[in-house]
Amino acid sequence: MLLQPKKIKFKKIQKGTYKKKEFAVTTLKFGKFGIKSMEYGYVTASQIESTRIAINRIIKRSGKIWLRIFPNKPITKKPAEVRMGKGKGSVDHWVSSIGAGRIIFEIGGIKPNLAKSALTYACSKLPIKTVLIGF
């Protein structure tokens, strides 16, 4: 099952603006190696899950993975061929707003060459430019 909040105060929220630059989660805290974003954007819950599965496929449960983002923003969409008006559409999917410089994934407990191959493969699953850190 994809990640989404259990309970939120409001079911639908306004779009808001992107965080251009990240100031809070910019250094490694739990693992030795990680993926860091180089640009801002949205990462959906399905992209996060496919990235996590890609890392697990290579490290084969030998290390530990820390997910440093969570999809807590609902994105709504109206069905196809529906006339304008009649309110906002229903929640379609959940996204995480990523600022430039944010740590997305961290891994630890594995060898550096295995970590590099796993994170390189995982970066191809994300829609934003990323860089590997800790090597």
Protein backbone atom coordinates (compact mmCIF):
# COMPACT_ATOMS: atom_id res chain seq x y z
CA MET A 1 0.00 0.00 0.00
CA LEU A 2 1.21 3.48 -0.83
CA LEU A 3 2.10 5.99 1.85
CA GLN A 4 -0.54 8.48 2.92
CA PRO A 5 -1.51 10.15 6.20
CA LYS A 6 -3.93 8.34 8.50
CA LYS A 7 -5.78 11.47 9.52
CA ILE A 8 -5.67 15.08 8.31
CA LYS A 9 -7.50 18.19 9.42
CA PHE A 10 -8.75 19.13 5.94
CA LYS A 11 -9.43 16.64 3.15
CA LYS A 12 -8.47 19.00 0.32
CA ILE A 13 -5.88 21.78 0.44
CA GLN A 14 -4.84 24.57 -1.88
CA LYS A 15 -1.85 24.08 -4.15
CA GLY A 16 0.44 26.62 -2.51
CA THR A 17 3.98 27.22 -3.78
CA TYR A 18 7.09 25.09 -4.04
CA LYS A 19 9.82 25.24 -1.43
CA LYS A 20 12.69 26.46 -3.58
CA LYS A 21 15.48 25.61 -1.13
CA GLU A 22 15.52 23.26 1.84
CA PHE A 23 16.98 24.34 5.18
CA ALA A 24 15.89 21.62 7.61
CA VAL A 25 16.84 18.17 6.29
CA THR A 26 20.13 18.79 4.46
CA THR A 27 22.66 16.49 6.16
CA LEU A 28 22.90 12.76 6.79
CA LYS A 29 21.56 11.82 10.22
CA PHE A 30 20.92 8.07 10.34
CA GLY A 31 22.88 6.30 7.58
CA LYS A 32 26.26 6.68 5.90
CA PHE A 33 25.06 7.14 2.32
CA GLY A 34 22.12 8.98 0.85
CA ILE A 35 20.25 10.61 -2.02
CA LYS A 36 20.03 14.41 -2.03
CA SER A 37 17.78 16.46 -4.32
CA MET A 38 19.32 19.14 -6.48
CA GLU A 39 16.09 20.81 -7.59
CA TYR A 40 12.61 21.35 -6.20
CA GLY A 41 9.43 19.56 -7.17
CA TYR A 42 6.83 17.00 -6.16
CA VAL A 43 7.51 13.31 -5.56
CA THR A 44 4.41 11.11 -5.51
CA ALA A 45 3.80 8.24 -3.10
CA SER A 46 4.11 5.68 -5.91
CA GLN A 47 7.51 7.10 -6.93
CA ILE A 48 8.71 6.88 -3.32
CA GLU A 49 7.54 3.27 -3.10
CA SER A 50 9.16 2.26 -6.40
CA THR A 51 12.42 3.87 -5.27
CA ARG A 52 12.31 1.99 -1.97
CA ILE A 53 11.66 -1.31 -3.77
CA ALA A 54 14.55 -0.61 -6.17
CA ILE A 55 16.96 -0.12 -3.26
CA ASN A 56 15.70 -3.28 -1.51
CA ARG A 57 16.13 -5.28 -4.71
CA ILE A 58 19.86 -4.55 -4.80
CA ILE A 59 20.84 -4.57 -1.12
CA LYS A 60 18.72 -7.69 -0.46
CA ARG A 61 17.73 -6.72 3.11
CA SER A 62 21.37 -6.60 4.26
CA GLY A 63 21.33 -2.96 5.39
CA LYS A 64 18.84 -0.45 6.73
CA ILE A 65 16.90 2.16 4.75
CA TRP A 66 15.62 5.44 6.17
CA LEU A 67 12.96 7.39 4.29
CA ARG A 68 13.32 11.10 5.05
CA ILE A 69 10.23 12.33 3.16
CA PHE A 70 6.53 11.59 3.56
CA PRO A 71 3.71 12.31 1.07
CA ASN A 72 1.41 14.54 3.13
CA LYS A 73 -0.07 16.78 0.44
CA PRO A 74 -3.25 15.67 -1.37
CA ILE A 75 -3.55 16.40 -5.09
CA THR A 76 -7.11 16.51 -6.41
CA LYS A 77 -8.34 15.77 -9.90
CA LYS A 78 -11.73 15.92 -11.59
CA PRO A 79 -12.80 12.99 -13.77
CA ALA A 80 -12.39 13.10 -17.54
CA GLU A 81 -15.12 14.78 -19.61
CA VAL A 82 -16.72 16.64 -16.69
CA ARG A 83 -17.99 20.18 -17.18
CA MET A 84 -16.42 23.14 -15.44
CA GLY A 85 -17.62 24.15 -12.00
CA LYS A 86 -19.41 21.97 -9.44
CA GLY A 87 -16.60 22.22 -6.90
CA LYS A 88 -13.13 20.80 -6.46
CA GLY A 89 -12.39 17.24 -7.56
CA SER A 90 -11.71 14.30 -5.27
CA VAL A 91 -8.25 13.38 -3.97
CA ASP A 92 -6.33 11.58 -6.72
CA HIS A 93 -2.91 10.97 -5.16
CA TRP A 94 -0.52 12.16 -2.44
CA VAL A 95 2.76 14.00 -2.97
CA SER A 96 5.70 15.22 -0.96
CA SER A 97 6.99 18.71 -1.70
CA ILE A 98 10.79 18.55 -2.06
CA GLY A 99 13.06 21.56 -1.82
CA ALA A 100 16.52 21.72 -3.38
CA GLY A 101 19.10 20.21 -1.04
CA ARG A 102 16.79 17.84 0.86
CA ILE A 103 17.89 14.35 1.84
CA ILE A 104 15.38 11.87 0.40
CA PHE A 105 16.76 8.43 1.31
CA GLU A 106 19.52 7.22 3.62
CA ILE A 107 21.03 3.76 3.83
CA GLY A 108 23.56 2.24 6.17
CA GLY A 109 25.10 -1.06 7.21
CA ILE A 110 26.31 -2.07 3.74
CA LYS A 111 29.53 -1.77 1.72
CA PRO A 112 30.11 1.46 -0.24
CA ASN A 113 30.20 -0.18 -3.69
CA LEU A 114 26.87 -1.95 -3.07
CA ALA A 115 25.36 1.27 -1.69
CA LYS A 116 26.52 3.24 -4.73
CA SER A 117 24.96 0.80 -7.20
CA ALA A 118 21.68 0.67 -5.22
CA LEU A 119 21.36 4.45 -4.91
CA THR A 120 22.31 5.04 -8.56
CA TYR A 121 19.54 2.68 -9.62
CA ALA A 122 17.14 4.34 -7.18
CA CYS A 123 17.87 7.84 -8.53
CA SER A 124 16.51 6.79 -11.93
CA LYS A 125 13.08 6.24 -10.33
CA LEU A 126 12.78 9.84 -9.07
CA PRO A 127 11.43 12.72 -11.22
CA ILE A 128 13.92 15.32 -9.94
CA LYS A 129 17.68 15.70 -10.30
CA THR A 130 19.53 14.03 -7.45
CA VAL A 131 23.08 13.45 -6.29
CA LEU A 132 24.62 10.69 -4.15
CA ILE A 133 26.25 11.79 -0.90
CA GLY A 134 28.50 10.04 1.59
CA PHE A 135 30.97 8.54 -0.90
